[in-house]
Amino acid sequence: MTKKAVPLTIPVAAASRMLGISPASGYRAIQAGDFPTPARRINGRYVVATRPLLDFLGLDEVPAELLNDNHAAGKTAA
């Protein structure tokens, strides 16, 4: 069975939904240095590294409903 590609990064809003918090809380946690996984600002927007987030949550992949979100589109790794 082929392993699904996982996006390298996801938007803060999607990562926040996975954690059960609001996007505003996610941004505040990032700015305070309290977000549980790496997040970086790139060209004025924050993105969250997907693999550490999945590991933190004990998941193998990002829930499909978040990947289908127009804001969750990103690069993928094979």
PDB file of N, CA and C in Angstrom:
ATOM      1  N   MET A   1       0.840  -1.177   0.000  1.00  0.00           N
ATOM      2  CA  MET A   1       0.000   0.000   0.000  1.00  0.00           C
ATOM      3  C   MET A   1       0.886   1.242   0.000  1.00  0.00           C
ATOM      4  N   THR A   2       0.591   2.221  -0.844  1.00  0.00           N
ATOM      5  CA  THR A   2       1.371   3.428  -0.959  1.00  0.00           C
ATOM      6  C   THR A   2       1.000   4.406   0.137  1.00  0.00           C
ATOM      7  N   LYS A   3       2.025   5.007   0.724  1.00  0.00           N
ATOM      8  CA  LYS A   3       1.796   6.000   1.761  1.00  0.00           C
ATOM      9  C   LYS A   3       1.353   7.305   1.121  1.00  0.00           C
ATOM     10  N   LYS A   4       0.336   7.946   1.711  1.00  0.00           N
ATOM     11  CA  LYS A   4      -0.160   9.209   1.180  1.00  0.00           C
ATOM     12  C   LYS A   4       0.866  10.315   1.387  1.00  0.00           C
ATOM     13  N   ALA A   5       0.891  11.246   0.447  1.00  0.00           N
ATOM     14  CA  ALA A   5       1.752  12.406   0.584  1.00  0.00           C
ATOM     15  C   ALA A   5       1.201  13.304   1.692  1.00  0.00           C
ATOM     16  N   VAL A   6       2.102  13.856   2.466  1.00  0.00           N
ATOM     17  CA  VAL A   6       1.726  14.751   3.557  1.00  0.00           C
ATOM     18  C   VAL A   6       2.235  16.142   3.205  1.00  0.00           C
ATOM     19  N   PRO A   7       1.396  17.168   3.321  1.00  0.00           N
ATOM     20  CA  PRO A   7       1.886  18.522   3.038  1.00  0.00           C
ATOM     21  C   PRO A   7       3.047  18.854   3.970  1.00  0.00           C
ATOM     22  N   LEU A   8       4.044  19.534   3.465  1.00  0.00           N
ATOM     23  CA  LEU A   8       5.182  19.911   4.303  1.00  0.00           C
ATOM     24  C   LEU A   8       4.771  20.917   5.373  1.00  0.00           C
ATOM     25  N   THR A   9       3.885  21.822   5.002  1.00  0.00           N
ATOM     26  CA  THR A   9       3.371  22.810   5.948  1.00  0.00           C
ATOM     27  C   THR A   9       1.872  22.954   5.756  1.00  0.00           C
ATOM     28  N   ILE A  10       1.214  23.453   6.800  1.00  0.00           N
ATOM     29  CA  ILE A  10      -0.201  23.792   6.702  1.00  0.00           C
ATOM     30  C   ILE A  10      -0.410  25.157   7.340  1.00  0.00           C
ATOM     31  N   PRO A  11      -1.464  25.838   6.963  1.00  0.00           N
ATOM     32  CA  PRO A  11      -1.752  27.149   7.549  1.00  0.00           C
ATOM     33  C   PRO A  11      -2.070  27.029   9.040  1.00  0.00           C
ATOM     34  N   VAL A  12      -1.852  28.116   9.743  1.00  0.00           N
ATOM     35  CA  VAL A  12      -2.133  28.152  11.181  1.00  0.00           C
ATOM     36  C   VAL A  12      -3.596  27.825  11.459  1.00  0.00           C
ATOM     37  N   ALA A  13      -4.502  28.280  10.621  1.00  0.00           N
ATOM     38  CA  ALA A  13      -5.929  28.008  10.853  1.00  0.00           C
ATOM     39  C   ALA A  13      -6.208  26.503  10.855  1.00  0.00           C
ATOM     40  N   ALA A  14      -5.608  25.774   9.906  1.00  0.00           N
ATOM     41  CA  ALA A  14      -5.817  24.324   9.844  1.00  0.00           C
ATOM     42  C   ALA A  14      -5.163  23.635  11.036  1.00  0.00           C
ATOM     43  N   ALA A  15      -3.944  24.039  11.376  1.00  0.00           N
ATOM     44  CA  ALA A  15      -3.255  23.449  12.523  1.00  0.00           C
ATOM     45  C   ALA A  15      -4.032  23.712  13.807  1.00  0.00           C
ATOM     46  N   SER A  16      -4.560  24.908  13.927  1.00  0.00           N
ATOM     47  CA  SER A  16      -5.347  25.256  15.116  1.00  0.00           C
ATOM     48  C   SER A  16      -6.594  24.393  15.215  1.00  0.00           C
ATOM     49  N   ARG A  17      -7.268  24.182  14.088  1.00  0.00           N
ATOM     50  CA  ARG A  17      -8.463  23.316  14.103  1.00  0.00           C
ATOM     51  C   ARG A  17      -8.095  21.904  14.547  1.00  0.00           C
ATOM     52  N   MET A  18      -6.935  21.423  14.114  1.00  0.00           N
ATOM     53  CA  MET A  18      -6.502  20.089  14.520  1.00  0.00           C
ATOM     54  C   MET A  18      -6.266  20.027  16.034  1.00  0.00           C
ATOM     55  N   LEU A  19      -5.818  21.130  16.608  1.00  0.00           N
ATOM     56  CA  LEU A  19      -5.558  21.188  18.044  1.00  0.00           C
ATOM     57  C   LEU A  19      -6.806  21.522  18.866  1.00  0.00           C
ATOM     58  N   GLY A  20      -7.896  21.864  18.183  1.00  0.00           N
ATOM     59  CA  GLY A  20      -9.133  22.189  18.885  1.00  0.00           C
ATOM     60  C   GLY A  20      -9.153  23.593  19.463  1.00  0.00           C
ATOM     61  N   ILE A  21      -8.369  24.494  18.846  1.00  0.00           N
ATOM     62  CA  ILE A  21      -8.364  25.886  19.280  1.00  0.00           C
ATOM     63  C   ILE A  21      -8.704  26.780  18.095  1.00  0.00           C
ATOM     64  N   SER A  22      -9.038  28.018  18.380  1.00  0.00           N
ATOM     65  CA  SER A  22      -9.369  28.951  17.304  1.00  0.00           C
ATOM     66  C   SER A  22      -8.094  29.404  16.602  1.00  0.00           C
ATOM     67  N   PRO A  23      -8.216  29.833  15.349  1.00  0.00           N
ATOM     68  CA  PRO A  23      -7.039  30.378  14.666  1.00  0.00           C
ATOM     69  C   PRO A  23      -6.423  31.545  15.436  1.00  0.00           C
ATOM     70  N   ALA A  24      -7.236  32.403  16.029  1.00  0.00           N
ATOM     71  CA  ALA A  24      -6.708  33.533  16.795  1.00  0.00           C
ATOM     72  C   ALA A  24      -5.867  33.039  17.970  1.00  0.00           C
ATOM     73  N   SER A  25      -6.327  31.989  18.632  1.00  0.00           N
ATOM     74  CA  SER A  25      -5.545  31.408  19.728  1.00  0.00           C
ATOM     75  C   SER A  25      -4.254  30.795  19.209  1.00  0.00           C
ATOM     76  N   GLY A  26      -4.321  30.184  18.033  1.00  0.00           N
ATOM     77  CA  GLY A  26      -3.124  29.620  17.421  1.00  0.00           C
ATOM     78  C   GLY A  26      -2.087  30.693  17.138  1.00  0.00           C
ATOM     79  N   TYR A  27      -2.511  31.812  16.545  1.00  0.00           N
ATOM     80  CA  TYR A  27      -1.585  32.906  16.264  1.00  0.00           C
ATOM     81  C   TYR A  27      -1.002  33.482  17.551  1.00  0.00           C
ATOM     82  N   ARG A  28      -1.844  33.653  18.569  1.00  0.00           N
ATOM     83  CA  ARG A  28      -1.340  34.169  19.854  1.00  0.00           C
ATOM     84  C   ARG A  28      -0.309  33.227  20.456  1.00  0.00           C
ATOM     85  N   ALA A  29      -0.568  31.918  20.384  1.00  0.00           N
ATOM     86  CA  ALA A  29       0.375  30.933  20.929  1.00  0.00           C
ATOM     87  C   ALA A  29       1.700  30.966  20.177  1.00  0.00           C
ATOM     88  N   ILE A  30       1.646  31.120  18.853  1.00  0.00           N
ATOM     89  CA  ILE A  30       2.877  31.203  18.062  1.00  0.00           C
ATOM     90  C   ILE A  30       3.669  32.439  18.474  1.00  0.00           C
ATOM     91  N   GLN A  31       2.991  33.578  18.554  1.00  0.00           N
ATOM     92  CA  GLN A  31       3.682  34.820  18.891  1.00  0.00           C
ATOM     93  C   GLN A  31       4.243  34.802  20.307  1.00  0.00           C
ATOM     94  N   ALA A  32       3.602  34.058  21.201  1.00  0.00           N
ATOM     95  CA  ALA A  32       4.079  33.944  22.580  1.00  0.00           C
ATOM     96  C   ALA A  32       5.134  32.850  22.736  1.00  0.00           C
ATOM     97  N   GLY A  33       5.368  32.075  21.670  1.00  0.00           N
ATOM     98  CA  GLY A  33       6.311  30.973  21.743  1.00  0.00           C
ATOM     99  C   GLY A  33       5.739  29.748  22.432  1.00  0.00           C
ATOM    100  N   ASP A  34       4.394  29.659  22.510  1.00  0.00           N
ATOM    101  CA  ASP A  34       3.724  28.563  23.211  1.00  0.00           C
ATOM    102  C   ASP A  34       3.080  27.527  22.296  1.00  0.00           C
ATOM    103  N   PHE A  35       3.215  27.680  20.977  1.00  0.00           N
ATOM    104  CA  PHE A  35       2.614  26.705  20.074  1.00  0.00           C
ATOM    105  C   PHE A  35       3.397  25.403  20.215  1.00  0.00           C
ATOM    106  N   PRO A  36       2.721  24.253  20.240  1.00  0.00           N
ATOM    107  CA  PRO A  36       3.419  23.009  20.567  1.00  0.00           C
ATOM    108  C   PRO A  36       4.352  22.456  19.487  1.00  0.00           C
ATOM    109  N   THR A  37       4.325  23.019  18.297  1.00  0.00           N
ATOM    110  CA  THR A  37       5.175  22.536  17.213  1.00  0.00           C
ATOM    111  C   THR A  37       5.763  23.721  16.453  1.00  0.00           C
ATOM    112  N   PRO A  38       6.794  23.495  15.622  1.00  0.00           N
ATOM    113  CA  PRO A  38       7.418  24.608  14.902  1.00  0.00           C
ATOM    114  C   PRO A  38       6.452  25.326  13.964  1.00  0.00           C
ATOM    115  N   ALA A  39       6.533  26.636  13.994  1.00  0.00           N
ATOM    116  CA  ALA A  39       5.785  27.490  13.068  1.00  0.00           C
ATOM    117  C   ALA A  39       6.745  28.581  12.612  1.00  0.00           C
ATOM    118  N   ARG A  40       6.659  28.928  11.347  1.00  0.00           N
ATOM    119  CA  ARG A  40       7.562  29.933  10.791  1.00  0.00           C
ATOM    120  C   ARG A  40       6.778  30.962   9.990  1.00  0.00           C
ATOM    121  N   ARG A  41       7.286  32.173  10.000  1.00  0.00           N
ATOM    122  CA  ARG A  41       6.688  33.237   9.201  1.00  0.00           C
ATOM    123  C   ARG A  41       7.432  33.292   7.875  1.00  0.00           C
ATOM    124  N   ILE A  42       6.693  33.156   6.800  1.00  0.00           N
ATOM    125  CA  ILE A  42       7.268  33.187   5.458  1.00  0.00           C
ATOM    126  C   ILE A  42       6.485  34.195   4.632  1.00  0.00           C
ATOM    127  N   ASN A  43       7.177  35.210   4.145  1.00  0.00           N
ATOM    128  CA  ASN A  43       6.533  36.256   3.334  1.00  0.00           C
ATOM    129  C   ASN A  43       5.280  36.813   3.998  1.00  0.00           C
ATOM    130  N   GLY A  44       5.355  37.035   5.293  1.00  0.00           N
ATOM    131  CA  GLY A  44       4.257  37.678   6.002  1.00  0.00           C
ATOM    132  C   GLY A  44       3.160  36.764   6.501  1.00  0.00           C
ATOM    133  N   ARG A  45       3.267  35.459   6.242  1.00  0.00           N
ATOM    134  CA  ARG A  45       2.239  34.556   6.778  1.00  0.00           C
ATOM    135  C   ARG A  45       2.905  33.402   7.507  1.00  0.00           C
ATOM    136  N   TYR A  46       2.233  32.941   8.546  1.00  0.00           N
ATOM    137  CA  TYR A  46       2.752  31.826   9.320  1.00  0.00           C
ATOM    138  C   TYR A  46       2.293  30.499   8.727  1.00  0.00           C
ATOM    139  N   VAL A  47       3.187  29.523   8.777  1.00  0.00           N
ATOM    140  CA  VAL A  47       2.852  28.152   8.418  1.00  0.00           C
ATOM    141  C   VAL A  47       3.384  27.242   9.524  1.00  0.00           C
ATOM    142  N   VAL A  48       2.761  26.089   9.657  1.00  0.00           N
ATOM    143  CA  VAL A  48       3.130  25.130  10.691  1.00  0.00           C
ATOM    144  C   VAL A  48       3.697  23.885  10.009  1.00  0.00           C
ATOM    145  N   ALA A  49       4.816  23.405  10.516  1.00  0.00           N
ATOM    146  CA  ALA A  49       5.409  22.172   9.994  1.00  0.00           C
ATOM    147  C   ALA A  49       4.462  21.010  10.305  1.00  0.00           C
ATOM    148  N   THR A  50       4.074  20.287   9.276  1.00  0.00           N
ATOM    149  CA  THR A  50       3.036  19.272   9.413  1.00  0.00           C
ATOM    150  C   THR A  50       3.483  18.044  10.199  1.00  0.00           C
ATOM    151  N   ARG A  51       4.635  17.478   9.859  1.00  0.00           N
ATOM    152  CA  ARG A  51       5.055  16.219  10.496  1.00  0.00           C
ATOM    153  C   ARG A  51       5.154  16.355  12.020  1.00  0.00           C
ATOM    154  N   PRO A  52       5.799  17.406  12.571  1.00  0.00           N
ATOM    155  CA  PRO A  52       5.831  17.522  14.033  1.00  0.00           C
ATOM    156  C   PRO A  52       4.437  17.666  14.654  1.00  0.00           C
ATOM    157  N   LEU A  53       3.534  18.340  13.942  1.00  0.00           N
ATOM    158  CA  LEU A  53       2.161  18.471  14.447  1.00  0.00           C
ATOM    159  C   LEU A  53       1.476  17.111  14.473  1.00  0.00           C
ATOM    160  N   LEU A  54       1.627  16.349  13.401  1.00  0.00           N
ATOM    161  CA  LEU A  54       1.024  15.013  13.368  1.00  0.00           C
ATOM    162  C   LEU A  54       1.612  14.132  14.468  1.00  0.00           C
ATOM    163  N   ASP A  55       2.924  14.208  14.672  1.00  0.00           N
ATOM    164  CA  ASP A  55       3.558  13.424  15.729  1.00  0.00           C
ATOM    165  C   ASP A  55       3.025  13.831  17.099  1.00  0.00           C
ATOM    166  N   PHE A  56       2.886  15.126  17.328  1.00  0.00           N
ATOM    167  CA  PHE A  56       2.362  15.635  18.593  1.00  0.00           C
ATOM    168  C   PHE A  56       0.959  15.087  18.865  1.00  0.00           C
ATOM    169  N   LEU A  57       0.149  15.008  17.810  1.00  0.00           N
ATOM    170  CA  LEU A  57      -1.240  14.550  17.949  1.00  0.00           C
ATOM    171  C   LEU A  57      -1.381  13.035  17.821  1.00  0.00           C
ATOM    172  N   GLY A  58      -0.304  12.346  17.463  1.00  0.00           N
ATOM    173  CA  GLY A  58      -0.370  10.901  17.299  1.00  0.00           C
ATOM    174  C   GLY A  58      -1.140  10.473  16.064  1.00  0.00           C
ATOM    175  N   LEU A  59      -1.062  11.283  15.019  1.00  0.00           N
ATOM    176  CA  LEU A  59      -1.767  10.996  13.765  1.00  0.00           C
ATOM    177  C   LEU A  59      -0.765  10.653  12.667  1.00  0.00           C
ATOM    178  N   ASP A  60      -1.248   9.950  11.636  1.00  0.00           N
ATOM    179  CA  ASP A  60      -0.411   9.620  10.485  1.00  0.00           C
ATOM    180  C   ASP A  60      -0.593  10.591   9.331  1.00  0.00           C
ATOM    181  N   GLU A  61      -1.745  11.240   9.265  1.00  0.00           N
ATOM    182  CA  GLU A  61      -2.008  12.156   8.156  1.00  0.00           C
ATOM    183  C   GLU A  61      -2.945  13.265   8.602  1.00  0.00           C
ATOM    184  N   VAL A  62      -2.945  14.327   7.820  1.00  0.00           N
ATOM    185  CA  VAL A  62      -3.840  15.455   8.070  1.00  0.00           C
ATOM    186  C   VAL A  62      -5.245  15.020   7.686  1.00  0.00           C
ATOM    187  N   PRO A  63      -6.245  15.302   8.521  1.00  0.00           N
ATOM    188  CA  PRO A  63      -7.621  14.942   8.163  1.00  0.00           C
ATOM    189  C   PRO A  63      -7.994  15.501   6.784  1.00  0.00           C
ATOM    190  N   ALA A  64      -8.642  14.680   5.990  1.00  0.00           N
ATOM    191  CA  ALA A  64      -8.971  15.032   4.598  1.00  0.00           C
ATOM    192  C   ALA A  64      -9.757  16.329   4.497  1.00  0.00           C
ATOM    193  N   GLU A  65     -10.663  16.582   5.436  1.00  0.00           N
ATOM    194  CA  GLU A  65     -11.473  17.803   5.343  1.00  0.00           C
ATOM    195  C   GLU A  65     -10.612  19.053   5.457  1.00  0.00           C
ATOM    196  N   LEU A  66      -9.458  18.966   6.108  1.00  0.00           N
ATOM    197  CA  LEU A  66      -8.561  20.115   6.175  1.00  0.00           C
ATOM    198  C   LEU A  66      -7.757  20.263   4.901  1.00  0.00           C
ATOM    199  N   LEU A  67      -7.416  19.145   4.260  1.00  0.00           N
ATOM    200  CA  LEU A  67      -6.677  19.215   3.008  1.00  0.00           C
ATOM    201  C   LEU A  67      -7.529  19.722   1.870  1.00  0.00           C
ATOM    202  N   ASN A  68      -8.835  19.517   1.948  1.00  0.00           N
ATOM    203  CA  ASN A  68      -9.740  19.987   0.894  1.00  0.00           C
ATOM    204  C   ASN A  68     -10.058  21.462   1.039  1.00  0.00           C
ATOM    205  N   ASP A  69      -9.699  22.052   2.172  1.00  0.00           N
ATOM    206  CA  ASP A  69      -9.902  23.476   2.420  1.00  0.00           C
ATOM    207  C   ASP A  69      -8.991  24.261   1.475  1.00  0.00           C
ATOM    208  N   ASN A  70      -9.517  25.269   0.800  1.00  0.00           N
ATOM    209  CA  ASN A  70      -8.723  26.052  -0.141  1.00  0.00           C
ATOM    210  C   ASN A  70      -7.516  26.701   0.540  1.00  0.00           C
ATOM    211  N   HIS A  71      -7.621  26.991   1.843  1.00  0.00           N
ATOM    212  CA  HIS A  71      -6.529  27.624   2.556  1.00  0.00           C
ATOM    213  C   HIS A  71      -5.486  26.624   3.008  1.00  0.00           C
ATOM    214  N   ALA A  72      -5.761  25.342   2.901  1.00  0.00           N
ATOM    215  CA  ALA A  72      -4.809  24.326   3.378  1.00  0.00           C
ATOM    216  C   ALA A  72      -3.964  23.751   2.255  1.00  0.00           C
ATOM    217  N   ALA A  73      -4.093  24.281   1.058  1.00  0.00           N
ATOM    218  CA  ALA A  73      -3.292  23.770  -0.052  1.00  0.00           C
ATOM    219  C   ALA A  73      -1.835  24.134   0.173  1.00  0.00           C
ATOM    220  N   GLY A  74      -0.965  23.227  -0.144  1.00  0.00           N
ATOM    221  CA  GLY A  74       0.460  23.498   0.028  1.00  0.00           C
ATOM    222  C   GLY A  74       1.272  22.454  -0.693  1.00  0.00           C
ATOM    223  N   LYS A  75       2.576  22.547  -0.552  1.00  0.00           N
ATOM    224  CA  LYS A  75       3.467  21.577  -1.180  1.00  0.00           C
ATOM    225  C   LYS A  75       3.368  20.255  -0.445  1.00  0.00           C
ATOM    226  N   THR A  76       3.634  19.175  -1.151  1.00  0.00           N
ATOM    227  CA  THR A  76       3.573  17.860  -0.534  1.00  0.00           C
ATOM    228  C   THR A  76       4.910  17.147  -0.675  1.00  0.00           C
ATOM    229  N   ALA A  77       5.134  16.236   0.236  1.00  0.00           N
ATOM    230  CA  ALA A  77       6.328  15.392   0.167  1.00  0.00           C
ATOM    231  C   ALA A  77       5.879  13.977  -0.152  1.00  0.00           C
ATOM    232  N   ALA A  78       6.608  13.297  -0.994  1.00  0.00           N
ATOM    233  CA  ALA A  78       6.236  11.927  -1.358  1.00  0.00           C
ATOM    234  C   ALA A  78       6.591  10.958  -0.261  1.00  0.00           C
TER     235      ALA A  78
END
